[in-house]
Amino acid sequence: MKNAEFEITSFLEEYKRRDEMRRDFIIHEGYSAIEEIIKEVNQRGSLNEADIYYGTPKPQLSFSDVELGYMLTSMMEYATNHVGNPVDEECEFENKLAYFEYKDEIIQIFEVYGQGTDSWFSKPSEDTIERLNNTAYGVYLIQFEDFINYTINKENESKKVSYGTTILNDIAGGYTVGRGSK
């Protein structure tokens, strides 16, 4: 039993550490990262973690593939939880989309499920940009600043509650699992 308790505690501590690293990167580097991402997407057409290793030419980023993954995952989670996700009807695989706007630039996250999951940043088509700006489809357009502010608030919230409860709460999808101190 002691071994199982140690493994659970170790897992929770690792989860907490990774979550803190992700939030820290987004809070402190998020704005400069999105500017670099937009610049690369405008030049390349799309950007994901594999491009850092195999892309030709290599992306000019000041952060790692892991940190790019933090941005992709966190932004998609935010979109899914706050506005929902449209899908690309023409794609033969299950998928979902998210749209973020920063300094009058719109960037799209495309996530595809098949035998695994792959996601990447890309530039939406002119038709999609028109729909986002001029129709009810615009409900899916998220201001990047809202995402950063949410992450900052989530960080402040986690500092108020003991880490065990926060981690269990995150794992349980928002349901309170344990008691924490405020």
N, C-alpha and C. Protein backbone atom coordinates (compact mmCIF):
# COMPACT_ATOMS: atom_id res chain seq x y z
N MET A 1 0.83 -1.20 0.00
CA MET A 1 0.00 0.00 0.00
C MET A 1 0.87 1.25 0.00
N LYS A 2 1.97 1.20 0.75
CA LYS A 2 2.86 2.36 0.81
C LYS A 2 3.42 2.70 -0.57
N ASN A 3 3.72 1.67 -1.34
CA ASN A 3 4.24 1.88 -2.69
C ASN A 3 3.22 2.58 -3.57
N ALA A 4 1.96 2.17 -3.48
CA ALA A 4 0.90 2.79 -4.28
C ALA A 4 0.71 4.24 -3.88
N GLU A 5 0.77 4.53 -2.58
CA GLU A 5 0.65 5.91 -2.11
C GLU A 5 1.79 6.76 -2.64
N PHE A 6 3.01 6.21 -2.63
CA PHE A 6 4.17 6.93 -3.14
C PHE A 6 4.00 7.22 -4.64
N GLU A 7 3.52 6.23 -5.41
CA GLU A 7 3.34 6.41 -6.84
C GLU A 7 2.28 7.49 -7.13
N ILE A 8 1.20 7.49 -6.37
CA ILE A 8 0.16 8.50 -6.57
C ILE A 8 0.70 9.88 -6.22
N THR A 9 1.39 9.97 -5.10
CA THR A 9 1.97 11.26 -4.69
C THR A 9 2.98 11.73 -5.71
N SER A 10 3.81 10.83 -6.21
CA SER A 10 4.81 11.18 -7.22
C SER A 10 4.13 11.66 -8.50
N PHE A 11 3.07 10.96 -8.92
CA PHE A 11 2.32 11.35 -10.11
C PHE A 11 1.73 12.74 -9.93
N LEU A 12 1.12 12.98 -8.78
CA LEU A 12 0.50 14.28 -8.52
C LEU A 12 1.52 15.41 -8.50
N GLU A 13 2.68 15.14 -7.92
CA GLU A 13 3.73 16.16 -7.89
C GLU A 13 4.25 16.45 -9.29
N GLU A 14 4.40 15.43 -10.13
CA GLU A 14 4.86 15.62 -11.51
C GLU A 14 3.80 16.37 -12.32
N TYR A 15 2.54 16.03 -12.11
CA TYR A 15 1.45 16.73 -12.80
C TYR A 15 1.46 18.20 -12.42
N LYS A 16 1.60 18.47 -11.16
CA LYS A 16 1.61 19.86 -10.67
C LYS A 16 2.80 20.62 -11.27
N ARG A 17 3.97 19.97 -11.30
CA ARG A 17 5.17 20.62 -11.84
C ARG A 17 4.99 20.96 -13.33
N ARG A 18 4.46 20.02 -14.11
CA ARG A 18 4.25 20.28 -15.53
C ARG A 18 3.19 21.36 -15.76
N ASP A 19 2.14 21.35 -14.96
CA ASP A 19 1.10 22.36 -15.08
C ASP A 19 1.65 23.74 -14.74
N GLU A 20 2.50 23.82 -13.71
CA GLU A 20 3.12 25.10 -13.35
C GLU A 20 4.05 25.59 -14.45
N MET A 21 4.82 24.69 -15.05
CA MET A 21 5.73 25.07 -16.14
C MET A 21 4.93 25.60 -17.33
N ARG A 22 3.83 24.93 -17.67
CA ARG A 22 2.99 25.34 -18.79
C ARG A 22 2.41 26.72 -18.53
N ARG A 23 1.82 26.91 -17.37
CA ARG A 23 1.22 28.22 -17.06
C ARG A 23 2.28 29.31 -16.98
N ASP A 24 3.43 29.00 -16.40
CA ASP A 24 4.51 29.98 -16.30
C ASP A 24 4.95 30.43 -17.69
N PHE A 25 5.11 29.49 -18.61
CA PHE A 25 5.50 29.84 -19.97
C PHE A 25 4.45 30.73 -20.62
N ILE A 26 3.19 30.34 -20.52
CA ILE A 26 2.12 31.11 -21.15
C ILE A 26 2.03 32.51 -20.56
N ILE A 27 2.10 32.62 -19.25
CA ILE A 27 1.98 33.93 -18.59
C ILE A 27 3.14 34.84 -18.94
N HIS A 28 4.37 34.31 -18.91
CA HIS A 28 5.55 35.16 -19.09
C HIS A 28 6.02 35.29 -20.53
N GLU A 29 5.74 34.28 -21.35
CA GLU A 29 6.23 34.29 -22.73
C GLU A 29 5.12 34.24 -23.78
N GLY A 30 3.88 34.18 -23.34
CA GLY A 30 2.76 33.97 -24.25
C GLY A 30 2.65 35.00 -25.36
N TYR A 31 2.79 36.28 -25.01
CA TYR A 31 2.63 37.32 -26.04
C TYR A 31 3.76 37.27 -27.07
N SER A 32 4.99 37.11 -26.61
CA SER A 32 6.09 37.04 -27.58
C SER A 32 5.99 35.73 -28.38
N ALA A 33 5.55 34.65 -27.74
CA ALA A 33 5.40 33.37 -28.45
C ALA A 33 4.35 33.47 -29.54
N ILE A 34 3.20 34.08 -29.26
CA ILE A 34 2.16 34.17 -30.29
C ILE A 34 2.62 35.04 -31.45
N GLU A 35 3.40 36.07 -31.17
CA GLU A 35 3.93 36.91 -32.26
C GLU A 35 4.85 36.09 -33.16
N GLU A 36 5.71 35.27 -32.55
CA GLU A 36 6.61 34.43 -33.33
C GLU A 36 5.83 33.36 -34.11
N ILE A 37 4.81 32.81 -33.48
CA ILE A 37 3.98 31.79 -34.13
C ILE A 37 3.28 32.39 -35.34
N ILE A 38 2.69 33.57 -35.18
CA ILE A 38 1.99 34.23 -36.29
C ILE A 38 2.97 34.53 -37.43
N LYS A 39 4.16 35.01 -37.08
CA LYS A 39 5.16 35.30 -38.11
C LYS A 39 5.53 34.03 -38.89
N GLU A 40 5.76 32.95 -38.19
CA GLU A 40 6.12 31.69 -38.85
C GLU A 40 4.97 31.14 -39.69
N VAL A 41 3.75 31.20 -39.16
CA VAL A 41 2.59 30.71 -39.91
C VAL A 41 2.39 31.53 -41.18
N ASN A 42 2.58 32.85 -41.09
CA ASN A 42 2.45 33.69 -42.28
C ASN A 42 3.50 33.33 -43.33
N GLN A 43 4.69 32.91 -42.89
CA GLN A 43 5.74 32.54 -43.83
C GLN A 43 5.60 31.11 -44.34
N ARG A 44 5.24 30.18 -43.44
CA ARG A 44 5.23 28.75 -43.75
C ARG A 44 3.87 28.21 -44.16
N GLY A 45 2.81 28.81 -43.64
CA GLY A 45 1.46 28.29 -43.86
C GLY A 45 0.92 27.54 -42.65
N SER A 46 1.81 26.85 -41.91
CA SER A 46 1.40 26.14 -40.70
C SER A 46 2.62 25.93 -39.81
N LEU A 47 2.36 25.51 -38.56
CA LEU A 47 3.46 25.30 -37.61
C LEU A 47 3.01 24.32 -36.54
N ASN A 48 3.82 23.28 -36.32
CA ASN A 48 3.61 22.37 -35.19
C ASN A 48 4.95 21.94 -34.62
N GLU A 49 4.91 21.08 -33.59
CA GLU A 49 6.16 20.69 -32.91
C GLU A 49 7.14 20.01 -33.85
N ALA A 50 6.67 19.18 -34.78
CA ALA A 50 7.56 18.45 -35.69
C ALA A 50 8.34 19.41 -36.59
N ASP A 51 7.76 20.56 -36.90
CA ASP A 51 8.47 21.53 -37.75
C ASP A 51 9.77 21.99 -37.12
N ILE A 52 9.83 22.01 -35.81
CA ILE A 52 11.05 22.45 -35.13
C ILE A 52 12.19 21.48 -35.42
N TYR A 53 11.87 20.18 -35.54
CA TYR A 53 12.90 19.17 -35.83
C TYR A 53 13.10 18.94 -37.33
N TYR A 54 12.00 18.85 -38.06
CA TYR A 54 12.08 18.40 -39.44
C TYR A 54 11.75 19.45 -40.47
N GLY A 55 11.34 20.62 -40.04
CA GLY A 55 10.91 21.66 -40.96
C GLY A 55 12.03 22.18 -41.84
N THR A 56 11.70 22.47 -43.08
CA THR A 56 12.65 23.06 -44.00
C THR A 56 12.01 24.29 -44.61
N PRO A 57 12.51 25.46 -44.36
CA PRO A 57 13.59 25.76 -43.40
C PRO A 57 13.08 25.62 -41.97
N LYS A 58 14.02 25.57 -41.03
CA LYS A 58 13.68 25.47 -39.62
C LYS A 58 13.00 26.75 -39.17
N PRO A 59 11.96 26.64 -38.34
CA PRO A 59 11.31 27.84 -37.81
C PRO A 59 12.28 28.63 -36.93
N GLN A 60 12.15 29.92 -36.96
CA GLN A 60 13.00 30.80 -36.14
C GLN A 60 12.22 31.16 -34.88
N LEU A 61 12.30 30.28 -33.88
CA LEU A 61 11.56 30.47 -32.64
C LEU A 61 12.52 30.56 -31.46
N SER A 62 12.15 31.34 -30.47
CA SER A 62 12.99 31.50 -29.28
C SER A 62 12.57 30.53 -28.18
N PHE A 63 11.72 29.54 -28.52
CA PHE A 63 11.24 28.58 -27.53
C PHE A 63 11.25 27.19 -28.13
N SER A 64 11.06 26.19 -27.29
CA SER A 64 11.21 24.78 -27.70
C SER A 64 9.92 24.19 -28.26
N ASP A 65 10.05 22.97 -28.79
CA ASP A 65 8.89 22.23 -29.27
C ASP A 65 7.93 21.93 -28.13
N VAL A 66 8.45 21.67 -26.95
CA VAL A 66 7.60 21.41 -25.78
C VAL A 66 6.77 22.65 -25.46
N GLU A 67 7.39 23.81 -25.50
CA GLU A 67 6.68 25.05 -25.22
C GLU A 67 5.66 25.37 -26.31
N LEU A 68 5.98 25.04 -27.56
CA LEU A 68 5.00 25.20 -28.63
C LEU A 68 3.81 24.27 -28.36
N GLY A 69 4.09 23.09 -27.86
CA GLY A 69 3.03 22.15 -27.48
C GLY A 69 2.17 22.71 -26.35
N TYR A 70 2.80 23.39 -25.39
CA TYR A 70 2.03 24.05 -24.32
C TYR A 70 1.01 25.01 -24.92
N MET A 71 1.46 25.80 -25.89
CA MET A 71 0.57 26.79 -26.51
C MET A 71 -0.57 26.08 -27.26
N LEU A 72 -0.24 25.11 -28.09
CA LEU A 72 -1.26 24.39 -28.86
C LEU A 72 -2.31 23.75 -27.94
N THR A 73 -1.84 23.00 -26.97
CA THR A 73 -2.74 22.28 -26.08
C THR A 73 -3.58 23.22 -25.23
N SER A 74 -2.94 24.20 -24.62
CA SER A 74 -3.65 25.11 -23.72
C SER A 74 -4.66 25.97 -24.46
N MET A 75 -4.28 26.46 -25.63
CA MET A 75 -5.20 27.29 -26.41
C MET A 75 -6.40 26.47 -26.88
N MET A 76 -6.17 25.24 -27.32
CA MET A 76 -7.28 24.40 -27.76
C MET A 76 -8.19 24.06 -26.59
N GLU A 77 -7.62 23.74 -25.44
CA GLU A 77 -8.44 23.45 -24.25
C GLU A 77 -9.28 24.67 -23.89
N TYR A 78 -8.68 25.84 -23.93
CA TYR A 78 -9.40 27.06 -23.60
C TYR A 78 -10.58 27.25 -24.57
N ALA A 79 -10.32 27.11 -25.85
CA ALA A 79 -11.39 27.27 -26.85
C ALA A 79 -12.50 26.25 -26.63
N THR A 80 -12.13 25.01 -26.40
CA THR A 80 -13.11 23.94 -26.20
C THR A 80 -14.00 24.24 -24.99
N ASN A 81 -13.39 24.71 -23.93
CA ASN A 81 -14.13 24.94 -22.69
C ASN A 81 -14.90 26.26 -22.67
N HIS A 82 -14.53 27.22 -23.51
CA HIS A 82 -15.16 28.55 -23.43
C HIS A 82 -16.09 28.89 -24.59
N VAL A 83 -15.83 28.43 -25.79
CA VAL A 83 -16.71 28.75 -26.91
C VAL A 83 -17.10 27.52 -27.73
N GLY A 84 -16.49 26.40 -27.48
CA GLY A 84 -16.74 25.21 -28.29
C GLY A 84 -15.89 25.24 -29.54
N ASN A 85 -16.03 24.22 -30.34
CA ASN A 85 -15.19 24.10 -31.52
C ASN A 85 -16.00 23.74 -32.76
N PRO A 86 -15.83 24.52 -33.82
CA PRO A 86 -16.39 24.09 -35.09
C PRO A 86 -15.52 22.96 -35.65
N VAL A 87 -15.98 22.32 -36.71
CA VAL A 87 -15.20 21.27 -37.36
C VAL A 87 -15.05 21.60 -38.83
N ASP A 88 -14.05 21.01 -39.45
CA ASP A 88 -13.86 21.12 -40.89
C ASP A 88 -14.62 19.95 -41.51
N GLU A 89 -15.75 20.25 -42.12
CA GLU A 89 -16.63 19.21 -42.70
C GLU A 89 -15.96 18.47 -43.84
N GLU A 90 -14.99 19.08 -44.50
CA GLU A 90 -14.35 18.46 -45.65
C GLU A 90 -13.24 17.49 -45.27
N CYS A 91 -12.81 17.54 -44.02
CA CYS A 91 -11.75 16.65 -43.55
C CYS A 91 -12.35 15.27 -43.29
N GLU A 92 -11.68 14.23 -43.76
CA GLU A 92 -12.21 12.88 -43.60
C GLU A 92 -12.02 12.32 -42.20
N PHE A 93 -11.18 12.97 -41.38
CA PHE A 93 -10.94 12.52 -40.02
C PHE A 93 -11.71 13.39 -39.03
N GLU A 94 -11.97 12.83 -37.86
CA GLU A 94 -12.59 13.61 -36.78
C GLU A 94 -11.64 14.76 -36.45
N ASN A 95 -12.19 15.96 -36.27
CA ASN A 95 -11.33 17.12 -36.05
C ASN A 95 -12.07 18.20 -35.29
N LYS A 96 -11.33 19.19 -34.86
CA LYS A 96 -11.93 20.39 -34.30
C LYS A 96 -10.99 21.57 -34.56
N LEU A 97 -11.58 22.75 -34.56
CA LEU A 97 -10.86 23.98 -34.87
C LEU A 97 -10.98 24.97 -33.71
N ALA A 98 -10.04 25.88 -33.65
CA ALA A 98 -10.11 27.01 -32.72
C ALA A 98 -9.50 28.22 -33.43
N TYR A 99 -10.04 29.40 -33.13
CA TYR A 99 -9.58 30.63 -33.77
C TYR A 99 -9.23 31.66 -32.70
N PHE A 100 -8.04 32.24 -32.84
CA PHE A 100 -7.59 33.28 -31.91
C PHE A 100 -7.17 34.51 -32.70
N GLU A 101 -7.46 35.67 -32.12
CA GLU A 101 -7.07 36.93 -32.75
C GLU A 101 -6.10 37.66 -31.83
N TYR A 102 -5.02 38.14 -32.44
CA TYR A 102 -4.03 38.93 -31.72
C TYR A 102 -3.52 40.02 -32.67
N LYS A 103 -3.66 41.27 -32.25
CA LYS A 103 -3.23 42.42 -33.05
C LYS A 103 -3.74 42.34 -34.49
N ASP A 104 -5.02 42.14 -34.65
CA ASP A 104 -5.69 42.07 -35.95
C ASP A 104 -5.23 40.92 -36.84
N GLU A 105 -4.53 39.96 -36.29
CA GLU A 105 -4.15 38.74 -37.01
C GLU A 105 -4.97 37.59 -36.44
N ILE A 106 -5.52 36.77 -37.31
CA ILE A 106 -6.28 35.60 -36.86
C ILE A 106 -5.46 34.36 -37.16
N ILE A 107 -5.35 33.52 -36.14
CA ILE A 107 -4.63 32.26 -36.28
C ILE A 107 -5.59 31.12 -35.93
N GLN A 108 -5.44 30.02 -36.61
CA GLN A 108 -6.31 28.86 -36.44
C GLN A 108 -5.51 27.71 -35.84
N ILE A 109 -6.14 26.96 -34.96
CA ILE A 109 -5.56 25.70 -34.50
C ILE A 109 -6.44 24.60 -35.08
N PHE A 110 -5.80 23.66 -35.73
CA PHE A 110 -6.49 22.53 -36.35
C PHE A 110 -6.03 21.28 -35.62
N GLU A 111 -6.98 20.52 -35.07
CA GLU A 111 -6.64 19.30 -34.36
C GLU A 111 -7.37 18.15 -35.03
N VAL A 112 -6.64 17.09 -35.37
CA VAL A 112 -7.18 15.94 -36.10
C VAL A 112 -6.94 14.68 -35.27
N TYR A 113 -7.98 13.82 -35.25
CA TYR A 113 -7.90 12.55 -34.54
C TYR A 113 -8.01 11.43 -35.54
N GLY A 114 -7.12 10.48 -35.43
CA GLY A 114 -7.15 9.30 -36.29
C GLY A 114 -6.57 8.18 -35.47
N GLN A 115 -5.39 7.73 -35.84
CA GLN A 115 -4.70 6.73 -35.03
C GLN A 115 -3.89 7.41 -33.93
N GLY A 116 -4.02 8.67 -33.84
CA GLY A 116 -3.39 9.50 -32.83
C GLY A 116 -3.98 10.89 -32.97
N THR A 117 -3.40 11.83 -32.28
CA THR A 117 -3.88 13.20 -32.39
C THR A 117 -2.74 14.05 -32.91
N ASP A 118 -3.05 14.93 -33.83
CA ASP A 118 -2.07 15.88 -34.33
C ASP A 118 -2.73 17.24 -34.36
N SER A 119 -1.98 18.26 -33.99
CA SER A 119 -2.52 19.61 -34.03
C SER A 119 -1.45 20.57 -34.52
N TRP A 120 -1.91 21.66 -35.12
CA TRP A 120 -0.98 22.65 -35.64
C TRP A 120 -1.67 24.00 -35.76
N PHE A 121 -0.82 25.03 -35.78
CA PHE A 121 -1.29 26.39 -36.06
C PHE A 121 -1.30 26.57 -37.56
N SER A 122 -2.29 27.29 -38.07
CA SER A 122 -2.32 27.61 -39.50
C SER A 122 -3.07 28.92 -39.69
N LYS A 123 -3.00 29.40 -40.92
CA LYS A 123 -3.71 30.62 -41.29
C LYS A 123 -5.06 30.21 -41.86
N PRO A 124 -6.16 30.74 -41.30
CA PRO A 124 -7.46 30.40 -41.87
C PRO A 124 -7.62 31.01 -43.26
N SER A 125 -8.51 30.43 -44.05
CA SER A 125 -8.76 30.94 -45.39
C SER A 125 -9.42 32.32 -45.31
N GLU A 126 -9.38 33.04 -46.41
CA GLU A 126 -10.03 34.37 -46.46
C GLU A 126 -11.52 34.25 -46.21
N ASP A 127 -12.13 33.17 -46.73
CA ASP A 127 -13.55 32.93 -46.51
C ASP A 127 -13.85 32.75 -45.01
N THR A 128 -13.02 31.99 -44.33
CA THR A 128 -13.21 31.77 -42.90
C THR A 128 -13.03 33.06 -42.12
N ILE A 129 -12.03 33.85 -42.48
CA ILE A 129 -11.82 35.15 -41.81
C ILE A 129 -13.03 36.05 -42.01
N GLU A 130 -13.57 36.05 -43.22
CA GLU A 130 -14.78 36.83 -43.51
C GLU A 130 -15.94 36.37 -42.63
N ARG A 131 -16.14 35.07 -42.53
CA ARG A 131 -17.22 34.52 -41.69
C ARG A 131 -17.00 34.84 -40.22
N LEU A 132 -15.77 34.77 -39.76
CA LEU A 132 -15.48 35.08 -38.35
C LEU A 132 -15.77 36.55 -38.03
N ASN A 133 -15.48 37.42 -38.98
CA ASN A 133 -15.65 38.86 -38.75
C ASN A 133 -17.07 39.37 -39.02
N ASN A 134 -17.84 38.65 -39.82
CA ASN A 134 -19.12 39.22 -40.27
C ASN A 134 -20.35 38.36 -40.07
N THR A 135 -20.23 37.23 -39.41
CA THR A 135 -21.42 36.37 -39.22
C THR A 135 -21.43 35.84 -37.79
N ALA A 136 -22.46 35.08 -37.49
CA ALA A 136 -22.58 34.46 -36.16
C ALA A 136 -21.45 33.46 -35.90
N TYR A 137 -20.75 33.03 -36.95
CA TYR A 137 -19.60 32.15 -36.80
C TYR A 137 -18.52 32.81 -35.94
N GLY A 138 -18.58 34.13 -35.85
CA GLY A 138 -17.63 34.90 -35.06
C GLY A 138 -17.64 34.56 -33.58
N VAL A 139 -18.65 33.82 -33.12
CA VAL A 139 -18.69 33.40 -31.73
C VAL A 139 -17.47 32.53 -31.41
N TYR A 140 -16.88 31.91 -32.42
CA TYR A 140 -15.72 31.06 -32.21
C TYR A 140 -14.39 31.83 -32.15
N LEU A 141 -14.42 33.11 -32.46
CA LEU A 141 -13.19 33.91 -32.47
C LEU A 141 -12.87 34.38 -31.05
N ILE A 142 -11.70 34.00 -30.56
CA ILE A 142 -11.27 34.31 -29.20
C ILE A 142 -10.15 35.34 -29.24
N GLN A 143 -10.25 36.32 -28.38
CA GLN A 143 -9.17 37.28 -28.24
C GLN A 143 -8.04 36.62 -27.45
N PHE A 144 -6.83 36.66 -27.97
CA PHE A 144 -5.70 36.01 -27.32
C PHE A 144 -5.50 36.56 -25.91
N GLU A 145 -5.76 37.82 -25.73
CA GLU A 145 -5.60 38.44 -24.40
C GLU A 145 -6.53 37.78 -23.38
N ASP A 146 -7.72 37.37 -23.78
CA ASP A 146 -8.64 36.67 -22.87
C ASP A 146 -8.03 35.35 -22.40
N PHE A 147 -7.37 34.65 -23.31
CA PHE A 147 -6.70 33.39 -22.97
C PHE A 147 -5.58 33.64 -21.95
N ILE A 148 -4.78 34.67 -22.16
CA ILE A 148 -3.69 34.98 -21.21
C ILE A 148 -4.27 35.35 -19.85
N ASN A 149 -5.30 36.20 -19.84
CA ASN A 149 -5.92 36.60 -18.57
C ASN A 149 -6.51 35.41 -17.83
N TYR A 150 -7.12 34.49 -18.56
CA TYR A 150 -7.66 33.28 -17.95
C TYR A 150 -6.53 32.47 -17.30
N THR A 151 -5.42 32.34 -17.99
CA THR A 151 -4.28 31.59 -17.47
C THR A 151 -3.73 32.26 -16.21
N ILE A 152 -3.64 33.57 -16.21
CA ILE A 152 -3.18 34.31 -15.03
C ILE A 152 -4.14 34.08 -13.87
N ASN A 153 -5.43 34.17 -14.12
CA ASN A 153 -6.43 33.95 -13.07
C ASN A 153 -6.36 32.53 -12.53
N LYS A 154 -6.15 31.57 -13.42
CA LYS A 154 -6.04 30.17 -13.01
C LYS A 154 -4.81 29.98 -12.12
N GLU A 155 -3.73 30.66 -12.45
CA GLU A 155 -2.50 30.59 -11.65
C GLU A 155 -2.75 31.18 -10.26
N ASN A 156 -3.39 32.33 -10.21
CA ASN A 156 -3.69 32.97 -8.92
C ASN A 156 -4.62 32.10 -8.09
N GLU A 157 -5.59 31.48 -8.74
CA GLU A 157 -6.53 30.59 -8.06
C GLU A 157 -5.82 29.38 -7.47
N SER A 158 -4.87 28.81 -8.22
CA SER A 158 -4.18 27.62 -7.73
C SER A 158 -3.27 27.94 -6.55
N LYS A 159 -2.83 29.17 -6.45
CA LYS A 159 -2.00 29.56 -5.30
C LYS A 159 -2.82 29.66 -4.02
N LYS A 160 -4.15 29.86 -4.17
CA LYS A 160 -5.02 30.00 -3.01
C LYS A 160 -5.40 28.65 -2.41
N VAL A 161 -5.41 27.61 -3.24
CA VAL A 161 -5.87 26.30 -2.80
C VAL A 161 -4.66 25.38 -2.68
N SER A 162 -4.69 24.46 -1.76
CA SER A 162 -3.57 23.54 -1.61
C SER A 162 -3.36 22.78 -2.90
N TYR A 163 -2.13 22.43 -3.21
CA TYR A 163 -1.84 21.84 -4.51
C TYR A 163 -2.52 20.50 -4.71
N GLY A 164 -2.70 19.70 -3.69
CA GLY A 164 -3.35 18.39 -3.85
C GLY A 164 -4.76 18.53 -4.36
N THR A 165 -5.51 19.45 -3.79
CA THR A 165 -6.88 19.65 -4.23
C THR A 165 -6.91 20.21 -5.64
N THR A 166 -6.03 21.15 -5.95
CA THR A 166 -5.99 21.74 -7.29
C THR A 166 -5.72 20.67 -8.34
N ILE A 167 -4.76 19.82 -8.08
CA ILE A 167 -4.41 18.79 -9.05
C ILE A 167 -5.57 17.81 -9.20
N LEU A 168 -6.12 17.35 -8.10
CA LEU A 168 -7.24 16.42 -8.19
C LEU A 168 -8.43 17.07 -8.86
N ASN A 169 -8.65 18.35 -8.59
CA ASN A 169 -9.74 19.09 -9.23
C ASN A 169 -9.51 19.15 -10.73
N ASP A 170 -8.27 19.44 -11.16
CA ASP A 170 -7.95 19.49 -12.58
C ASP A 170 -8.15 18.12 -13.23
N ILE A 171 -7.68 17.08 -12.58
CA ILE A 171 -7.78 15.74 -13.12
C ILE A 171 -9.25 15.32 -13.23
N ALA A 172 -10.04 15.69 -12.23
CA ALA A 172 -11.45 15.30 -12.20
C ALA A 172 -12.32 16.19 -13.08
N GLY A 173 -11.73 17.12 -13.79
CA GLY A 173 -12.49 17.95 -14.71
C GLY A 173 -13.33 19.01 -14.03
N GLY A 174 -12.84 19.53 -12.90
CA GLY A 174 -13.53 20.63 -12.25
C GLY A 174 -14.38 20.22 -11.06
N TYR A 175 -14.50 18.92 -10.83
CA TYR A 175 -15.27 18.47 -9.68
C TYR A 175 -14.37 18.44 -8.46
N THR A 176 -14.85 18.89 -7.34
CA THR A 176 -14.06 18.89 -6.13
C THR A 176 -13.90 17.45 -5.65
N VAL A 177 -12.65 17.07 -5.43
CA VAL A 177 -12.36 15.70 -5.05
C VAL A 177 -11.87 15.63 -3.60
N GLY A 178 -11.14 16.63 -3.19
CA GLY A 178 -10.61 16.63 -1.83
C GLY A 178 -10.83 17.97 -1.19
N ARG A 179 -10.38 18.10 0.03
CA ARG A 179 -10.50 19.38 0.71
C ARG A 179 -9.17 20.09 0.66
N GLY A 180 -9.21 21.37 0.48
CA GLY A 180 -7.99 22.16 0.45
C GLY A 180 -8.15 23.35 1.36
N SER A 181 -7.05 23.99 1.65
CA SER A 181 -7.12 25.18 2.49
C SER A 181 -7.03 26.40 1.61
N LYS A 182 -7.78 27.41 1.96
CA LYS A 182 -7.73 28.65 1.19
C LYS A 182 -6.98 29.69 1.98
